[in-house]
Amino acid sequence: MGRQAKLRKNRAAAEKSPKTQEQSDSTQFVRQLNRQGYNLQEIQHSPEIPDSKVDPQV
């Protein structure tokens, strides 16, 4: 079986059995982050980067 025939076969099989999309609620992402140990109410932001470049002291 050649490469083109394999591609045609795979495409035909994909068309016959459409993939079902899972219904997910809008809070699933938040719950998943909470399970991983992150709390969105107590976000710790990174420190601000200074705008000016500091010259090294020699």
PDB file of N, CA and C in Angstrom:
ATOM      1  N   MET A   1       0.861  -1.165   0.000  1.00  0.00           N
ATOM      2  CA  MET A   1       0.000   0.000   0.000  1.00  0.00           C
ATOM      3  C   MET A   1       0.910   1.232   0.000  1.00  0.00           C
ATOM      4  N   GLY A   2       0.649   2.145  -0.895  1.00  0.00           N
ATOM      5  CA  GLY A   2       1.462   3.346  -1.006  1.00  0.00           C
ATOM      6  C   GLY A   2       1.076   4.407   0.005  1.00  0.00           C
ATOM      7  N   ARG A   3       1.858   5.452   0.020  1.00  0.00           N
ATOM      8  CA  ARG A   3       1.636   6.534   0.983  1.00  0.00           C
ATOM      9  C   ARG A   3       0.306   7.235   0.744  1.00  0.00           C
ATOM     10  N   GLN A   4      -0.003   7.512  -0.517  1.00  0.00           N
ATOM     11  CA  GLN A   4      -1.259   8.196  -0.834  1.00  0.00           C
ATOM     12  C   GLN A   4      -2.466   7.339  -0.452  1.00  0.00           C
ATOM     13  N   ALA A   5      -2.375   6.045  -0.675  1.00  0.00           N
ATOM     14  CA  ALA A   5      -3.481   5.153  -0.326  1.00  0.00           C
ATOM     15  C   ALA A   5      -3.702   5.121   1.188  1.00  0.00           C
ATOM     16  N   LYS A   6      -2.618   5.127   1.933  1.00  0.00           N
ATOM     17  CA  LYS A   6      -2.742   5.144   3.393  1.00  0.00           C
ATOM     18  C   LYS A   6      -3.402   6.434   3.866  1.00  0.00           C
ATOM     19  N   LEU A   7      -3.000   7.559   3.249  1.00  0.00           N
ATOM     20  CA  LEU A   7      -3.608   8.835   3.620  1.00  0.00           C
ATOM     21  C   LEU A   7      -5.099   8.841   3.313  1.00  0.00           C
ATOM     22  N   ARG A   8      -5.473   8.345   2.138  1.00  0.00           N
ATOM     23  CA  ARG A   8      -6.892   8.288   1.766  1.00  0.00           C
ATOM     24  C   ARG A   8      -7.672   7.412   2.740  1.00  0.00           C
ATOM     25  N   LYS A   9      -7.076   6.283   3.109  1.00  0.00           N
ATOM     26  CA  LYS A   9      -7.738   5.361   4.030  1.00  0.00           C
ATOM     27  C   LYS A   9      -7.946   6.021   5.398  1.00  0.00           C
ATOM     28  N   ASN A  10      -6.922   6.716   5.883  1.00  0.00           N
ATOM     29  CA  ASN A  10      -7.034   7.391   7.181  1.00  0.00           C
ATOM     30  C   ASN A  10      -8.072   8.502   7.137  1.00  0.00           C
ATOM     31  N   ARG A  11      -8.102   9.267   6.050  1.00  0.00           N
ATOM     32  CA  ARG A  11      -9.081  10.350   5.927  1.00  0.00           C
ATOM     33  C   ARG A  11     -10.499   9.797   5.866  1.00  0.00           C
ATOM     34  N   ALA A  12     -10.686   8.700   5.136  1.00  0.00           N
ATOM     35  CA  ALA A  12     -12.012   8.098   5.029  1.00  0.00           C
ATOM     36  C   ALA A  12     -12.470   7.575   6.390  1.00  0.00           C
ATOM     37  N   ALA A  13     -11.562   6.978   7.137  1.00  0.00           N
ATOM     38  CA  ALA A  13     -11.910   6.460   8.461  1.00  0.00           C
ATOM     39  C   ALA A  13     -12.252   7.607   9.412  1.00  0.00           C
ATOM     40  N   ALA A  14     -11.560   8.730   9.278  1.00  0.00           N
ATOM     41  CA  ALA A  14     -11.827   9.877  10.142  1.00  0.00           C
ATOM     42  C   ALA A  14     -13.184  10.493   9.830  1.00  0.00           C
ATOM     43  N   GLU A  15     -13.579  10.492   8.568  1.00  0.00           N
ATOM     44  CA  GLU A  15     -14.879  11.047   8.192  1.00  0.00           C
ATOM     45  C   GLU A  15     -16.027  10.167   8.671  1.00  0.00           C
ATOM     46  N   LYS A  16     -15.827   8.855   8.684  1.00  0.00           N
ATOM     47  CA  LYS A  16     -16.894   7.943   9.083  1.00  0.00           C
ATOM     48  C   LYS A  16     -17.193   8.034  10.575  1.00  0.00           C
ATOM     49  N   SER A  17     -16.171   8.179  11.377  1.00  0.00           N
ATOM     50  CA  SER A  17     -16.381   8.231  12.825  1.00  0.00           C
ATOM     51  C   SER A  17     -15.982   9.611  13.344  1.00  0.00           C
ATOM     52  N   PRO A  18     -16.935  10.547  13.387  1.00  0.00           N
ATOM     53  CA  PRO A  18     -16.593  11.881  13.889  1.00  0.00           C
ATOM     54  C   PRO A  18     -16.280  11.827  15.376  1.00  0.00           C
ATOM     55  N   LYS A  19     -15.321  12.612  15.781  1.00  0.00           N
ATOM     56  CA  LYS A  19     -14.922  12.639  17.186  1.00  0.00           C
ATOM     57  C   LYS A  19     -15.958  13.408  17.992  1.00  0.00           C
ATOM     58  N   THR A  20     -16.291  12.884  19.144  1.00  0.00           N
ATOM     59  CA  THR A  20     -17.249  13.562  20.011  1.00  0.00           C
ATOM     60  C   THR A  20     -16.507  14.560  20.882  1.00  0.00           C
ATOM     61  N   GLN A  21     -17.054  15.736  20.968  1.00  0.00           N
ATOM     62  CA  GLN A  21     -16.449  16.755  21.810  1.00  0.00           C
ATOM     63  C   GLN A  21     -17.084  16.683  23.192  1.00  0.00           C
ATOM     64  N   GLU A  22     -16.223  16.663  24.187  1.00  0.00           N
ATOM     65  CA  GLU A  22     -16.715  16.576  25.557  1.00  0.00           C
ATOM     66  C   GLU A  22     -17.281  17.922  25.986  1.00  0.00           C
ATOM     67  N   GLN A  23     -18.389  17.870  26.674  1.00  0.00           N
ATOM     68  CA  GLN A  23     -18.990  19.087  27.203  1.00  0.00           C
ATOM     69  C   GLN A  23     -18.280  19.421  28.514  1.00  0.00           C
ATOM     70  N   SER A  24     -17.592  20.530  28.543  1.00  0.00           N
ATOM     71  CA  SER A  24     -16.888  20.928  29.758  1.00  0.00           C
ATOM     72  C   SER A  24     -17.481  22.232  30.266  1.00  0.00           C
ATOM     73  N   ASP A  25     -17.575  22.337  31.560  1.00  0.00           N
ATOM     74  CA  ASP A  25     -18.119  23.562  32.129  1.00  0.00           C
ATOM     75  C   ASP A  25     -17.020  24.621  32.230  1.00  0.00           C
ATOM     76  N   SER A  26     -17.428  25.843  32.487  1.00  0.00           N
ATOM     77  CA  SER A  26     -16.488  26.961  32.466  1.00  0.00           C
ATOM     78  C   SER A  26     -15.568  26.978  33.679  1.00  0.00           C
ATOM     79  N   THR A  27     -15.900  26.256  34.726  1.00  0.00           N
ATOM     80  CA  THR A  27     -15.073  26.272  35.930  1.00  0.00           C
ATOM     81  C   THR A  27     -14.107  25.093  35.992  1.00  0.00           C
ATOM     82  N   GLN A  28     -14.073  24.278  34.967  1.00  0.00           N
ATOM     83  CA  GLN A  28     -13.191  23.119  34.976  1.00  0.00           C
ATOM     84  C   GLN A  28     -11.723  23.548  35.063  1.00  0.00           C
ATOM     85  N   PHE A  29     -11.355  24.615  34.351  1.00  0.00           N
ATOM     86  CA  PHE A  29      -9.979  25.103  34.372  1.00  0.00           C
ATOM     87  C   PHE A  29      -9.578  25.547  35.776  1.00  0.00           C
ATOM     88  N   VAL A  30     -10.466  26.262  36.445  1.00  0.00           N
ATOM     89  CA  VAL A  30     -10.175  26.754  37.796  1.00  0.00           C
ATOM     90  C   VAL A  30     -10.044  25.587  38.766  1.00  0.00           C
ATOM     91  N   ARG A  31     -10.929  24.617  38.658  1.00  0.00           N
ATOM     92  CA  ARG A  31     -10.853  23.457  39.553  1.00  0.00           C
ATOM     93  C   ARG A  31      -9.566  22.671  39.325  1.00  0.00           C
ATOM     94  N   GLN A  32      -9.144  22.568  38.069  1.00  0.00           N
ATOM     95  CA  GLN A  32      -7.914  21.856  37.762  1.00  0.00           C
ATOM     96  C   GLN A  32      -6.705  22.581  38.365  1.00  0.00           C
ATOM     97  N   LEU A  33      -6.684  23.910  38.283  1.00  0.00           N
ATOM     98  CA  LEU A  33      -5.592  24.670  38.897  1.00  0.00           C
ATOM     99  C   LEU A  33      -5.593  24.513  40.412  1.00  0.00           C
ATOM    100  N   ASN A  34      -6.773  24.498  41.017  1.00  0.00           N
ATOM    101  CA  ASN A  34      -6.855  24.314  42.468  1.00  0.00           C
ATOM    102  C   ASN A  34      -6.316  22.952  42.876  1.00  0.00           C
ATOM    103  N   ARG A  35      -6.591  21.927  42.085  1.00  0.00           N
ATOM    104  CA  ARG A  35      -6.072  20.592  42.382  1.00  0.00           C
ATOM    105  C   ARG A  35      -4.550  20.553  42.279  1.00  0.00           C
ATOM    106  N   GLN A  36      -3.984  21.400  41.407  1.00  0.00           N
ATOM    107  CA  GLN A  36      -2.531  21.433  41.242  1.00  0.00           C
ATOM    108  C   GLN A  36      -1.846  22.272  42.310  1.00  0.00           C
ATOM    109  N   GLY A  37      -2.615  22.950  43.157  1.00  0.00           N
ATOM    110  CA  GLY A  37      -2.040  23.700  44.262  1.00  0.00           C
ATOM    111  C   GLY A  37      -2.026  25.200  44.066  1.00  0.00           C
ATOM    112  N   TYR A  38      -2.636  25.697  43.018  1.00  0.00           N
ATOM    113  CA  TYR A  38      -2.687  27.138  42.786  1.00  0.00           C
ATOM    114  C   TYR A  38      -4.005  27.684  43.309  1.00  0.00           C
ATOM    115  N   ASN A  39      -3.952  28.875  43.884  1.00  0.00           N
ATOM    116  CA  ASN A  39      -5.151  29.525  44.374  1.00  0.00           C
ATOM    117  C   ASN A  39      -5.282  30.857  43.652  1.00  0.00           C
ATOM    118  N   LEU A  40      -6.344  31.025  42.893  1.00  0.00           N
ATOM    119  CA  LEU A  40      -6.495  32.226  42.081  1.00  0.00           C
ATOM    120  C   LEU A  40      -6.854  33.452  42.906  1.00  0.00           C
ATOM    121  N   GLN A  41      -7.338  33.274  44.133  1.00  0.00           N
ATOM    122  CA  GLN A  41      -7.654  34.426  44.969  1.00  0.00           C
ATOM    123  C   GLN A  41      -6.387  35.010  45.590  1.00  0.00           C
ATOM    124  N   GLU A  42      -5.360  34.218  45.759  1.00  0.00           N
ATOM    125  CA  GLU A  42      -4.119  34.665  46.394  1.00  0.00           C
ATOM    126  C   GLU A  42      -2.966  34.570  45.397  1.00  0.00           C
ATOM    127  N   ILE A  43      -3.063  35.313  44.311  1.00  0.00           N
ATOM    128  CA  ILE A  43      -2.038  35.265  43.277  1.00  0.00           C
ATOM    129  C   ILE A  43      -0.809  36.031  43.746  1.00  0.00           C
ATOM    130  N   GLN A  44       0.350  35.428  43.600  1.00  0.00           N
ATOM    131  CA  GLN A  44       1.604  36.096  43.933  1.00  0.00           C
ATOM    132  C   GLN A  44       2.231  36.567  42.625  1.00  0.00           C
ATOM    133  N   HIS A  45       2.199  37.869  42.408  1.00  0.00           N
ATOM    134  CA  HIS A  45       2.729  38.425  41.173  1.00  0.00           C
ATOM    135  C   HIS A  45       4.251  38.462  41.219  1.00  0.00           C
ATOM    136  N   SER A  46       4.853  38.433  40.052  1.00  0.00           N
ATOM    137  CA  SER A  46       6.306  38.534  39.975  1.00  0.00           C
ATOM    138  C   SER A  46       6.732  39.971  40.252  1.00  0.00           C
ATOM    139  N   PRO A  47       7.950  40.173  40.728  1.00  0.00           N
ATOM    140  CA  PRO A  47       8.402  41.543  41.000  1.00  0.00           C
ATOM    141  C   PRO A  47       8.526  42.340  39.706  1.00  0.00           C
ATOM    142  N   GLU A  48       8.345  43.650  39.831  1.00  0.00           N
ATOM    143  CA  GLU A  48       8.426  44.526  38.664  1.00  0.00           C
ATOM    144  C   GLU A  48       9.872  44.649  38.196  1.00  0.00           C
ATOM    145  N   ILE A  49      10.049  44.716  36.888  1.00  0.00           N
ATOM    146  CA  ILE A  49      11.370  44.890  36.299  1.00  0.00           C
ATOM    147  C   ILE A  49      11.664  46.387  36.246  1.00  0.00           C
ATOM    148  N   PRO A  50      12.827  46.819  36.720  1.00  0.00           N
ATOM    149  CA  PRO A  50      13.127  48.255  36.689  1.00  0.00           C
ATOM    150  C   PRO A  50      13.235  48.769  35.257  1.00  0.00           C
ATOM    151  N   ASP A  51      12.795  50.024  35.050  1.00  0.00           N
ATOM    152  CA  ASP A  51      12.832  50.620  33.717  1.00  0.00           C
ATOM    153  C   ASP A  51      14.237  51.060  33.329  1.00  0.00           C
ATOM    154  N   SER A  52      15.018  51.503  34.296  1.00  0.00           N
ATOM    155  CA  SER A  52      16.362  51.987  33.978  1.00  0.00           C
ATOM    156  C   SER A  52      17.382  50.881  34.208  1.00  0.00           C
ATOM    157  N   LYS A  53      18.439  50.911  33.414  1.00  0.00           N
ATOM    158  CA  LYS A  53      19.486  49.902  33.533  1.00  0.00           C
ATOM    159  C   LYS A  53      20.488  50.355  34.591  1.00  0.00           C
ATOM    160  N   VAL A  54      20.792  49.500  35.519  1.00  0.00           N
ATOM    161  CA  VAL A  54      21.713  49.820  36.603  1.00  0.00           C
ATOM    162  C   VAL A  54      23.123  49.484  36.145  1.00  0.00           C
ATOM    163  N   ASP A  55      24.046  50.467  36.270  1.00  0.00           N
ATOM    164  CA  ASP A  55      25.442  50.229  35.911  1.00  0.00           C
ATOM    165  C   ASP A  55      26.128  49.468  37.037  1.00  0.00           C
ATOM    166  N   PRO A  56      26.936  48.474  36.709  1.00  0.00           N
ATOM    167  CA  PRO A  56      27.635  47.721  37.756  1.00  0.00           C
ATOM    168  C   PRO A  56      28.704  48.569  38.434  1.00  0.00           C
ATOM    169  N   GLN A  57      28.880  48.358  39.720  1.00  0.00           N
ATOM    170  CA  GLN A  57      29.904  49.085  40.469  1.00  0.00           C
ATOM    171  C   GLN A  57      31.186  48.276  40.451  1.00  0.00           C
ATOM    172  N   VAL A  58      32.266  48.961  40.101  1.00  0.00           N
ATOM    173  CA  VAL A  58      33.546  48.267  40.014  1.00  0.00           C
ATOM    174  C   VAL A  58      34.413  48.634  41.180  1.00  0.00           C
TER     175      VAL A  58
END
